[in-house]
């Protein structure tokens, strides 16, 4: 038996032993449940279809204020007011999740440009969060040290007095 087939057989045997010890609700037809994971791309896309971005909010706006306002357009499933991690102060935008696509469209038509707390709201369909790279912002930096295109020039301005 080739090594790859041997590993396959051993893994299948191990999985079947694990399934014997798990409650039946966790697996289906003698193997692990193969349906989509709770946070699959499809589920995230569906959630995005019912999620609304609300911008240009006053810093004094609360989640309850938004829930009350958007309840006029339909059933509000959730409200998430985005706050600064360090200070806890609102960043001036939020996400509101409605229960259906038709309610989302109604809310966008009703509240985009609507004046709330003396500010015109910016309301549109939420977009998926963009992937962010990690590593402190030094991603694909080219160039070198100072004066070679990679940083601030060290030369003092020509003419005039020296600035200290």
N, C-alpha and C. Protein backbone atom coordinates (compact mmCIF):
# COMPACT_ATOMS: atom_id res chain seq x y z
N UNK A 1 0.86 -1.18 0.00
CA UNK A 1 0.00 0.00 0.00
C UNK A 1 0.91 1.24 0.00
N UNK A 2 0.66 2.20 -0.93
CA UNK A 2 1.47 3.42 -0.96
C UNK A 2 1.25 4.25 0.31
N UNK A 3 2.26 5.04 0.71
CA UNK A 3 2.15 5.81 1.95
C UNK A 3 0.95 6.77 1.98
N UNK A 4 0.64 7.40 0.86
CA UNK A 4 -0.47 8.35 0.85
C UNK A 4 -1.80 7.63 1.09
N UNK A 5 -1.96 6.44 0.51
CA UNK A 5 -3.20 5.68 0.71
C UNK A 5 -3.26 5.18 2.16
N UNK A 6 -2.14 4.80 2.72
CA UNK A 6 -2.08 4.34 4.11
C UNK A 6 -2.54 5.47 5.04
N UNK A 7 -2.04 6.69 4.80
CA UNK A 7 -2.46 7.82 5.63
C UNK A 7 -3.95 8.08 5.50
N UNK A 8 -4.45 7.97 4.29
CA UNK A 8 -5.87 8.20 4.06
C UNK A 8 -6.72 7.20 4.85
N UNK A 9 -6.32 5.94 4.82
CA UNK A 9 -7.05 4.89 5.54
C UNK A 9 -6.98 5.14 7.05
N UNK A 10 -5.82 5.52 7.55
CA UNK A 10 -5.66 5.78 8.99
C UNK A 10 -6.52 6.98 9.44
N UNK A 11 -6.53 8.03 8.62
CA UNK A 11 -7.33 9.22 8.97
C UNK A 11 -8.81 8.87 8.97
N UNK A 12 -9.27 8.10 7.98
CA UNK A 12 -10.69 7.70 7.93
C UNK A 12 -11.05 6.88 9.16
N UNK A 13 -10.16 5.98 9.58
CA UNK A 13 -10.43 5.15 10.76
C UNK A 13 -10.51 6.01 12.00
N UNK A 14 -9.61 6.97 12.13
CA UNK A 14 -9.61 7.87 13.28
C UNK A 14 -10.89 8.70 13.31
N UNK A 15 -11.31 9.21 12.15
CA UNK A 15 -12.53 10.02 12.09
C UNK A 15 -13.75 9.19 12.47
N UNK A 16 -13.79 7.95 12.03
CA UNK A 16 -14.96 7.12 12.37
C UNK A 16 -14.99 6.84 13.87
N UNK A 17 -13.83 6.69 14.51
CA UNK A 17 -13.80 6.50 15.97
C UNK A 17 -14.27 7.75 16.70
N UNK A 18 -13.88 8.92 16.17
CA UNK A 18 -14.32 10.17 16.79
C UNK A 18 -15.83 10.32 16.65
N UNK A 19 -16.37 9.97 15.47
CA UNK A 19 -17.81 10.09 15.25
C UNK A 19 -18.60 9.20 16.22
N UNK A 20 -18.03 8.05 16.57
CA UNK A 20 -18.72 7.15 17.51
C UNK A 20 -18.86 7.79 18.88
N UNK A 21 -17.95 8.67 19.25
CA UNK A 21 -17.98 9.30 20.56
C UNK A 21 -18.76 10.61 20.59
N UNK A 22 -19.07 11.17 19.43
CA UNK A 22 -19.80 12.43 19.37
C UNK A 22 -21.31 12.20 19.36
N UNK A 23 -22.07 13.17 19.84
CA UNK A 23 -23.52 13.04 19.74
C UNK A 23 -23.95 13.06 18.28
N UNK A 24 -25.01 12.33 17.93
CA UNK A 24 -25.42 12.22 16.52
C UNK A 24 -25.74 13.55 15.86
N UNK A 25 -26.09 14.58 16.61
CA UNK A 25 -26.44 15.86 16.01
C UNK A 25 -25.24 16.52 15.32
N UNK A 26 -24.02 16.12 15.68
CA UNK A 26 -22.84 16.75 15.11
C UNK A 26 -22.37 16.12 13.80
N UNK A 27 -22.91 14.97 13.46
CA UNK A 27 -22.51 14.36 12.20
C UNK A 27 -23.73 13.78 11.51
N UNK A 28 -23.56 13.45 10.26
CA UNK A 28 -24.68 13.03 9.44
C UNK A 28 -24.26 11.82 8.60
N UNK A 29 -25.08 10.81 8.53
CA UNK A 29 -24.84 9.61 7.72
C UNK A 29 -23.48 8.98 7.99
N UNK A 30 -23.09 8.89 9.24
CA UNK A 30 -21.86 8.21 9.59
C UNK A 30 -20.60 9.03 9.38
N UNK A 31 -20.69 10.23 8.88
CA UNK A 31 -19.53 11.09 8.69
C UNK A 31 -19.83 12.47 9.23
N UNK A 32 -18.84 13.31 9.27
CA UNK A 32 -19.06 14.66 9.77
C UNK A 32 -20.01 15.42 8.86
N UNK A 33 -20.77 16.29 9.43
CA UNK A 33 -21.70 17.11 8.66
C UNK A 33 -20.92 17.93 7.65
N UNK A 34 -21.33 17.90 6.41
CA UNK A 34 -20.57 18.56 5.35
C UNK A 34 -21.24 19.81 4.82
N UNK A 35 -22.24 20.33 5.52
CA UNK A 35 -22.90 21.56 5.08
C UNK A 35 -21.98 22.75 5.22
N UNK A 36 -22.44 23.92 4.77
CA UNK A 36 -21.60 25.11 4.87
C UNK A 36 -21.36 25.49 6.32
N UNK A 37 -20.21 26.03 6.61
CA UNK A 37 -19.90 26.49 7.95
C UNK A 37 -20.76 27.70 8.28
N UNK A 38 -20.98 28.00 9.55
CA UNK A 38 -21.86 29.11 9.91
C UNK A 38 -21.43 30.45 9.31
N UNK A 39 -20.15 30.63 9.07
CA UNK A 39 -19.69 31.90 8.53
C UNK A 39 -19.10 31.70 7.14
N UNK A 40 -19.84 31.01 6.29
CA UNK A 40 -19.37 30.78 4.93
C UNK A 40 -19.48 32.07 4.13
N UNK A 41 -18.83 32.10 2.98
CA UNK A 41 -18.88 33.28 2.12
C UNK A 41 -20.32 33.59 1.72
N UNK A 42 -21.09 32.55 1.45
CA UNK A 42 -22.48 32.74 1.04
C UNK A 42 -23.29 33.40 2.16
N UNK A 43 -23.11 32.94 3.39
CA UNK A 43 -23.84 33.51 4.51
C UNK A 43 -23.42 34.96 4.75
N UNK A 44 -22.13 35.23 4.65
CA UNK A 44 -21.66 36.61 4.82
C UNK A 44 -22.23 37.51 3.73
N UNK A 45 -22.31 37.01 2.49
CA UNK A 45 -22.88 37.79 1.40
C UNK A 45 -24.35 38.08 1.66
N UNK A 46 -25.10 37.07 2.11
CA UNK A 46 -26.51 37.27 2.43
C UNK A 46 -26.69 38.29 3.54
N UNK A 47 -25.82 38.23 4.56
CA UNK A 47 -25.90 39.21 5.65
C UNK A 47 -25.61 40.61 5.14
N UNK A 48 -24.69 40.73 4.18
CA UNK A 48 -24.36 42.04 3.64
C UNK A 48 -25.55 42.63 2.88
N UNK A 49 -26.39 41.77 2.30
CA UNK A 49 -27.54 42.28 1.56
C UNK A 49 -28.57 42.93 2.47
N UNK A 50 -28.55 42.60 3.75
CA UNK A 50 -29.52 43.18 4.68
C UNK A 50 -28.85 44.14 5.65
N UNK A 51 -27.60 44.46 5.43
CA UNK A 51 -26.88 45.35 6.32
C UNK A 51 -26.68 46.70 5.65
N UNK A 52 -26.91 47.76 6.42
CA UNK A 52 -26.85 49.12 5.91
C UNK A 52 -25.74 49.88 6.62
N UNK A 53 -24.99 50.66 5.86
CA UNK A 53 -24.00 51.58 6.42
C UNK A 53 -24.71 52.91 6.67
N UNK A 54 -24.53 53.47 7.87
CA UNK A 54 -25.10 54.77 8.20
C UNK A 54 -23.94 55.67 8.63
N UNK A 55 -23.69 56.73 7.86
CA UNK A 55 -22.57 57.60 8.14
C UNK A 55 -22.99 59.03 8.44
N UNK A 56 -22.02 59.85 8.83
CA UNK A 56 -22.20 61.25 9.19
C UNK A 56 -23.10 61.40 10.42
N UNK A 57 -22.92 60.51 11.36
CA UNK A 57 -23.70 60.56 12.60
C UNK A 57 -23.07 61.52 13.60
N UNK A 58 -23.89 62.10 14.41
CA UNK A 58 -23.40 62.91 15.52
C UNK A 58 -22.72 61.97 16.52
N UNK A 59 -21.71 62.47 17.21
CA UNK A 59 -21.02 61.63 18.19
C UNK A 59 -21.91 61.30 19.39
N UNK A 60 -23.00 62.04 19.56
CA UNK A 60 -23.92 61.80 20.67
C UNK A 60 -24.99 60.77 20.34
N UNK A 61 -25.05 60.30 19.11
CA UNK A 61 -26.07 59.33 18.70
C UNK A 61 -25.83 57.99 19.39
N UNK A 62 -26.91 57.36 19.84
CA UNK A 62 -26.82 56.05 20.49
C UNK A 62 -27.43 54.98 19.60
N UNK A 63 -27.19 53.72 19.95
CA UNK A 63 -27.77 52.61 19.20
C UNK A 63 -29.29 52.64 19.30
N UNK A 64 -29.82 53.02 20.46
CA UNK A 64 -31.27 53.10 20.62
C UNK A 64 -31.88 54.16 19.72
N UNK A 65 -31.18 55.29 19.55
CA UNK A 65 -31.67 56.33 18.63
C UNK A 65 -31.79 55.79 17.21
N UNK A 66 -30.76 55.05 16.78
CA UNK A 66 -30.78 54.49 15.43
C UNK A 66 -31.84 53.41 15.29
N UNK A 67 -31.99 52.58 16.31
CA UNK A 67 -33.01 51.53 16.28
C UNK A 67 -34.40 52.14 16.12
N UNK A 68 -34.66 53.20 16.89
CA UNK A 68 -35.96 53.88 16.82
C UNK A 68 -36.17 54.50 15.44
N UNK A 69 -35.15 55.15 14.91
CA UNK A 69 -35.26 55.80 13.61
C UNK A 69 -35.52 54.78 12.50
N UNK A 70 -34.72 53.72 12.43
CA UNK A 70 -34.83 52.76 11.34
C UNK A 70 -36.02 51.82 11.50
N UNK A 71 -36.65 51.79 12.67
CA UNK A 71 -37.86 50.99 12.86
C UNK A 71 -39.00 51.53 12.00
N UNK A 72 -38.90 52.79 11.58
CA UNK A 72 -39.91 53.37 10.69
C UNK A 72 -39.89 52.71 9.31
N UNK A 73 -38.75 52.12 8.93
CA UNK A 73 -38.62 51.49 7.62
C UNK A 73 -38.89 49.99 7.68
N UNK A 74 -38.95 49.41 8.88
CA UNK A 74 -39.19 47.97 9.00
C UNK A 74 -38.58 47.42 10.27
N UNK A 75 -38.45 46.10 10.31
CA UNK A 75 -37.92 45.42 11.49
C UNK A 75 -36.41 45.51 11.52
N UNK A 76 -35.88 46.04 12.62
CA UNK A 76 -34.43 46.17 12.78
C UNK A 76 -33.92 44.92 13.49
N UNK A 77 -33.01 44.18 12.83
CA UNK A 77 -32.45 42.97 13.42
C UNK A 77 -31.33 43.31 14.40
N UNK A 78 -30.47 44.27 14.04
CA UNK A 78 -29.39 44.66 14.94
C UNK A 78 -28.86 46.03 14.56
N UNK A 79 -28.25 46.69 15.53
CA UNK A 79 -27.60 47.98 15.33
C UNK A 79 -26.23 47.91 15.96
N UNK A 80 -25.20 48.28 15.20
CA UNK A 80 -23.84 48.29 15.73
C UNK A 80 -23.24 49.67 15.51
N UNK A 81 -23.09 50.43 16.58
CA UNK A 81 -22.48 51.75 16.52
C UNK A 81 -20.98 51.55 16.70
N UNK A 82 -20.19 52.02 15.76
CA UNK A 82 -18.75 51.81 15.80
C UNK A 82 -18.13 52.85 16.71
N UNK A 83 -17.34 52.37 17.69
CA UNK A 83 -16.72 53.25 18.68
C UNK A 83 -15.21 53.11 18.66
N UNK A 84 -14.54 54.16 19.10
CA UNK A 84 -13.09 54.14 19.22
C UNK A 84 -12.69 53.15 20.31
N UNK A 85 -11.72 52.33 20.02
CA UNK A 85 -11.29 51.29 20.95
C UNK A 85 -10.74 51.87 22.25
N UNK A 86 -10.01 52.98 22.16
CA UNK A 86 -9.36 53.54 23.34
C UNK A 86 -10.28 54.44 24.16
N UNK A 87 -11.02 55.32 23.49
CA UNK A 87 -11.82 56.31 24.21
C UNK A 87 -13.27 55.88 24.41
N UNK A 88 -13.76 54.97 23.58
CA UNK A 88 -15.15 54.54 23.68
C UNK A 88 -16.11 55.53 23.03
N UNK A 89 -15.58 56.59 22.41
CA UNK A 89 -16.43 57.58 21.74
C UNK A 89 -16.83 57.07 20.36
N UNK A 90 -18.02 57.42 19.93
CA UNK A 90 -18.51 57.03 18.62
C UNK A 90 -17.59 57.57 17.53
N UNK A 91 -17.42 56.79 16.46
CA UNK A 91 -16.61 57.24 15.32
C UNK A 91 -17.45 57.94 14.28
N UNK A 92 -18.76 58.03 14.51
CA UNK A 92 -19.63 58.76 13.60
C UNK A 92 -20.26 57.91 12.52
N UNK A 93 -20.18 56.58 12.64
CA UNK A 93 -20.88 55.73 11.69
C UNK A 93 -21.34 54.46 12.39
N UNK A 94 -22.29 53.77 11.74
CA UNK A 94 -22.88 52.57 12.34
C UNK A 94 -23.33 51.64 11.22
N UNK A 95 -23.69 50.43 11.62
CA UNK A 95 -24.27 49.45 10.71
C UNK A 95 -25.60 49.01 11.29
N UNK A 96 -26.63 49.03 10.45
CA UNK A 96 -27.96 48.61 10.86
C UNK A 96 -28.33 47.42 9.99
N UNK A 97 -28.77 46.34 10.62
CA UNK A 97 -29.18 45.16 9.88
C UNK A 97 -30.70 45.05 9.95
N UNK A 98 -31.31 44.99 8.79
CA UNK A 98 -32.76 44.88 8.68
C UNK A 98 -33.12 43.41 8.42
N UNK A 99 -34.41 43.09 8.56
CA UNK A 99 -34.81 41.68 8.44
C UNK A 99 -35.03 41.23 7.00
N UNK A 100 -35.22 42.16 6.05
CA UNK A 100 -35.41 41.73 4.66
C UNK A 100 -34.80 42.75 3.69
N UNK A 101 -34.61 42.29 2.46
CA UNK A 101 -34.03 43.14 1.43
C UNK A 101 -34.94 44.31 1.09
N UNK A 102 -36.25 44.09 1.08
CA UNK A 102 -37.18 45.18 0.74
C UNK A 102 -37.13 46.27 1.81
N UNK A 103 -36.96 45.88 3.08
CA UNK A 103 -36.85 46.88 4.15
C UNK A 103 -35.54 47.66 4.03
N UNK A 104 -34.50 47.00 3.57
CA UNK A 104 -33.21 47.67 3.36
C UNK A 104 -33.37 48.75 2.30
N UNK A 105 -33.99 48.40 1.18
CA UNK A 105 -34.19 49.37 0.10
C UNK A 105 -35.05 50.54 0.57
N UNK A 106 -36.10 50.24 1.33
CA UNK A 106 -36.97 51.30 1.85
C UNK A 106 -36.19 52.23 2.80
N UNK A 107 -35.36 51.66 3.66
CA UNK A 107 -34.57 52.46 4.61
C UNK A 107 -33.57 53.35 3.88
N UNK A 108 -32.93 52.83 2.84
CA UNK A 108 -31.96 53.61 2.09
C UNK A 108 -32.65 54.78 1.39
N UNK A 109 -33.79 54.50 0.75
CA UNK A 109 -34.52 55.57 0.07
C UNK A 109 -35.04 56.62 1.05
N UNK A 110 -35.49 56.16 2.22
CA UNK A 110 -36.08 57.08 3.20
C UNK A 110 -35.04 57.93 3.91
N UNK A 111 -33.92 57.32 4.31
CA UNK A 111 -33.00 58.00 5.22
C UNK A 111 -31.72 58.53 4.61
N UNK A 112 -31.42 58.23 3.35
CA UNK A 112 -30.22 58.81 2.74
C UNK A 112 -30.47 60.29 2.51
N UNK A 113 -29.69 61.14 3.16
CA UNK A 113 -29.86 62.59 3.08
C UNK A 113 -30.79 63.13 4.15
N UNK A 114 -31.41 62.25 4.92
CA UNK A 114 -32.34 62.67 5.99
C UNK A 114 -31.55 63.40 7.10
N UNK A 115 -32.07 64.51 7.59
CA UNK A 115 -31.38 65.27 8.63
C UNK A 115 -31.73 64.68 9.99
N UNK A 116 -30.70 64.20 10.67
CA UNK A 116 -30.87 63.59 11.99
C UNK A 116 -29.84 64.23 12.92
N UNK A 117 -30.30 64.85 13.99
CA UNK A 117 -29.42 65.56 14.94
C UNK A 117 -28.62 66.64 14.20
N UNK A 118 -29.32 67.38 13.35
CA UNK A 118 -28.73 68.49 12.59
C UNK A 118 -27.63 68.07 11.62
N UNK A 119 -27.64 66.81 11.19
CA UNK A 119 -26.63 66.33 10.24
C UNK A 119 -27.32 65.49 9.17
N UNK A 120 -26.97 65.69 7.89
CA UNK A 120 -27.56 64.85 6.83
C UNK A 120 -26.92 63.46 6.85
N UNK A 121 -27.73 62.43 6.99
CA UNK A 121 -27.22 61.06 7.07
C UNK A 121 -26.77 60.58 5.70
N UNK A 122 -25.76 59.75 5.69
CA UNK A 122 -25.30 59.06 4.49
C UNK A 122 -25.66 57.59 4.71
N UNK A 123 -26.63 57.09 3.95
CA UNK A 123 -27.13 55.73 4.14
C UNK A 123 -27.01 54.98 2.83
N UNK A 124 -26.30 53.84 2.85
CA UNK A 124 -26.23 52.98 1.68
C UNK A 124 -25.96 51.55 2.10
N UNK A 125 -25.97 50.66 1.14
CA UNK A 125 -25.74 49.24 1.40
C UNK A 125 -24.32 49.03 1.89
N UNK A 126 -24.16 48.25 2.94
CA UNK A 126 -22.83 47.99 3.49
C UNK A 126 -22.04 47.11 2.54
N UNK A 127 -20.74 47.35 2.48
CA UNK A 127 -19.84 46.52 1.67
C UNK A 127 -19.06 45.60 2.60
N UNK A 128 -18.62 44.46 2.09
CA UNK A 128 -17.81 43.58 2.94
C UNK A 128 -16.51 44.26 3.35
N UNK A 129 -16.05 43.93 4.53
CA UNK A 129 -14.81 44.52 5.05
C UNK A 129 -13.64 44.08 4.19
N UNK A 130 -12.77 45.03 3.86
CA UNK A 130 -11.62 44.70 3.03
C UNK A 130 -10.56 44.00 3.88
N UNK A 131 -9.84 43.09 3.23
CA UNK A 131 -8.74 42.42 3.92
C UNK A 131 -7.64 43.42 4.20
N UNK A 132 -7.11 43.38 5.42
CA UNK A 132 -6.04 44.30 5.78
C UNK A 132 -4.77 43.50 6.02
N UNK A 133 -3.66 44.06 5.57
CA UNK A 133 -2.39 43.38 5.80
C UNK A 133 -1.88 43.73 7.19
N UNK A 134 -1.12 42.84 7.74
CA UNK A 134 -0.56 43.04 9.06
C UNK A 134 0.93 43.33 8.93
N UNK A 135 1.52 43.89 9.95
CA UNK A 135 2.96 44.10 9.92
C UNK A 135 3.37 45.54 10.08
N UNK A 136 2.49 46.38 10.53
CA UNK A 136 2.88 47.74 10.86
C UNK A 136 2.98 48.70 9.69
N UNK A 137 2.43 48.36 8.55
CA UNK A 137 2.39 49.31 7.45
C UNK A 137 3.64 49.37 6.61
N UNK A 138 4.53 48.41 6.75
CA UNK A 138 5.75 48.42 5.95
C UNK A 138 5.66 47.48 4.77
N UNK A 139 4.44 47.09 4.40
CA UNK A 139 4.14 46.16 3.33
C UNK A 139 5.15 46.04 2.23
N UNK A 140 4.87 46.63 1.08
CA UNK A 140 5.73 46.48 -0.09
C UNK A 140 6.49 47.78 -0.31
N UNK A 141 7.26 48.19 0.66
CA UNK A 141 7.97 49.46 0.60
C UNK A 141 9.26 49.29 -0.19
N UNK A 142 9.40 50.13 -1.18
CA UNK A 142 10.63 50.08 -1.97
C UNK A 142 11.41 51.35 -1.74
N UNK A 143 12.61 51.35 -2.14
CA UNK A 143 13.45 52.53 -1.91
C UNK A 143 14.31 52.27 -0.71
N UNK A 144 15.06 53.25 -0.33
CA UNK A 144 15.99 53.00 0.75
C UNK A 144 15.87 54.02 1.84
N UNK A 145 17.00 54.42 2.32
CA UNK A 145 17.04 55.35 3.44
C UNK A 145 16.70 56.76 3.01
N UNK A 146 17.10 57.69 3.82
CA UNK A 146 16.78 59.09 3.56
C UNK A 146 17.45 59.58 2.29
N UNK A 147 16.72 60.40 1.55
CA UNK A 147 17.27 61.03 0.37
C UNK A 147 17.30 60.14 -0.86
N UNK A 148 16.84 58.89 -0.73
CA UNK A 148 16.83 57.99 -1.88
C UNK A 148 15.41 57.56 -2.24
N UNK A 149 14.44 58.38 -1.94
CA UNK A 149 13.07 58.07 -2.33
C UNK A 149 12.30 57.31 -1.28
N UNK A 150 12.92 56.86 -0.23
CA UNK A 150 12.23 56.06 0.77
C UNK A 150 11.81 56.86 1.98
N UNK A 151 12.23 58.08 2.10
CA UNK A 151 11.88 58.84 3.28
C UNK A 151 11.98 60.33 3.04
N UNK A 152 11.93 61.09 4.10
CA UNK A 152 11.96 62.55 4.03
C UNK A 152 13.39 63.02 3.73
N UNK A 153 13.47 64.03 2.88
CA UNK A 153 14.78 64.57 2.54
C UNK A 153 15.37 65.31 3.73
N UNK A 154 16.66 65.15 3.96
CA UNK A 154 17.34 65.79 5.09
C UNK A 154 17.90 67.16 4.72
N UNK A 155 17.82 67.52 3.44
CA UNK A 155 18.41 68.79 3.01
C UNK A 155 17.57 69.94 3.52
N UNK A 156 18.27 71.02 3.95
CA UNK A 156 17.50 72.16 4.42
C UNK A 156 17.08 72.99 3.20
N UNK A 157 16.01 73.74 3.36
CA UNK A 157 15.53 74.54 2.22
C UNK A 157 16.60 75.53 1.78
N UNK A 158 16.68 75.75 0.49
CA UNK A 158 17.69 76.69 -0.02
C UNK A 158 17.21 78.10 0.15
N UNK A 159 18.12 79.00 0.47
CA UNK A 159 17.78 80.42 0.62
C UNK A 159 17.09 80.68 1.94
N UNK A 160 17.02 81.95 2.30
CA UNK A 160 16.33 82.34 3.52
C UNK A 160 17.10 81.99 4.76
N UNK A 161 16.49 82.17 5.90
CA UNK A 161 17.15 81.89 7.16
C UNK A 161 17.03 80.40 7.51
N UNK A 162 17.94 79.97 8.36
CA UNK A 162 17.86 78.61 8.85
C UNK A 162 16.70 78.50 9.82
N UNK A 163 16.07 77.39 9.77
CA UNK A 163 14.92 77.16 10.67
C UNK A 163 15.32 76.14 11.71
N UNK A 164 15.14 76.51 12.98
CA UNK A 164 15.51 75.59 14.04
C UNK A 164 14.31 75.09 14.78
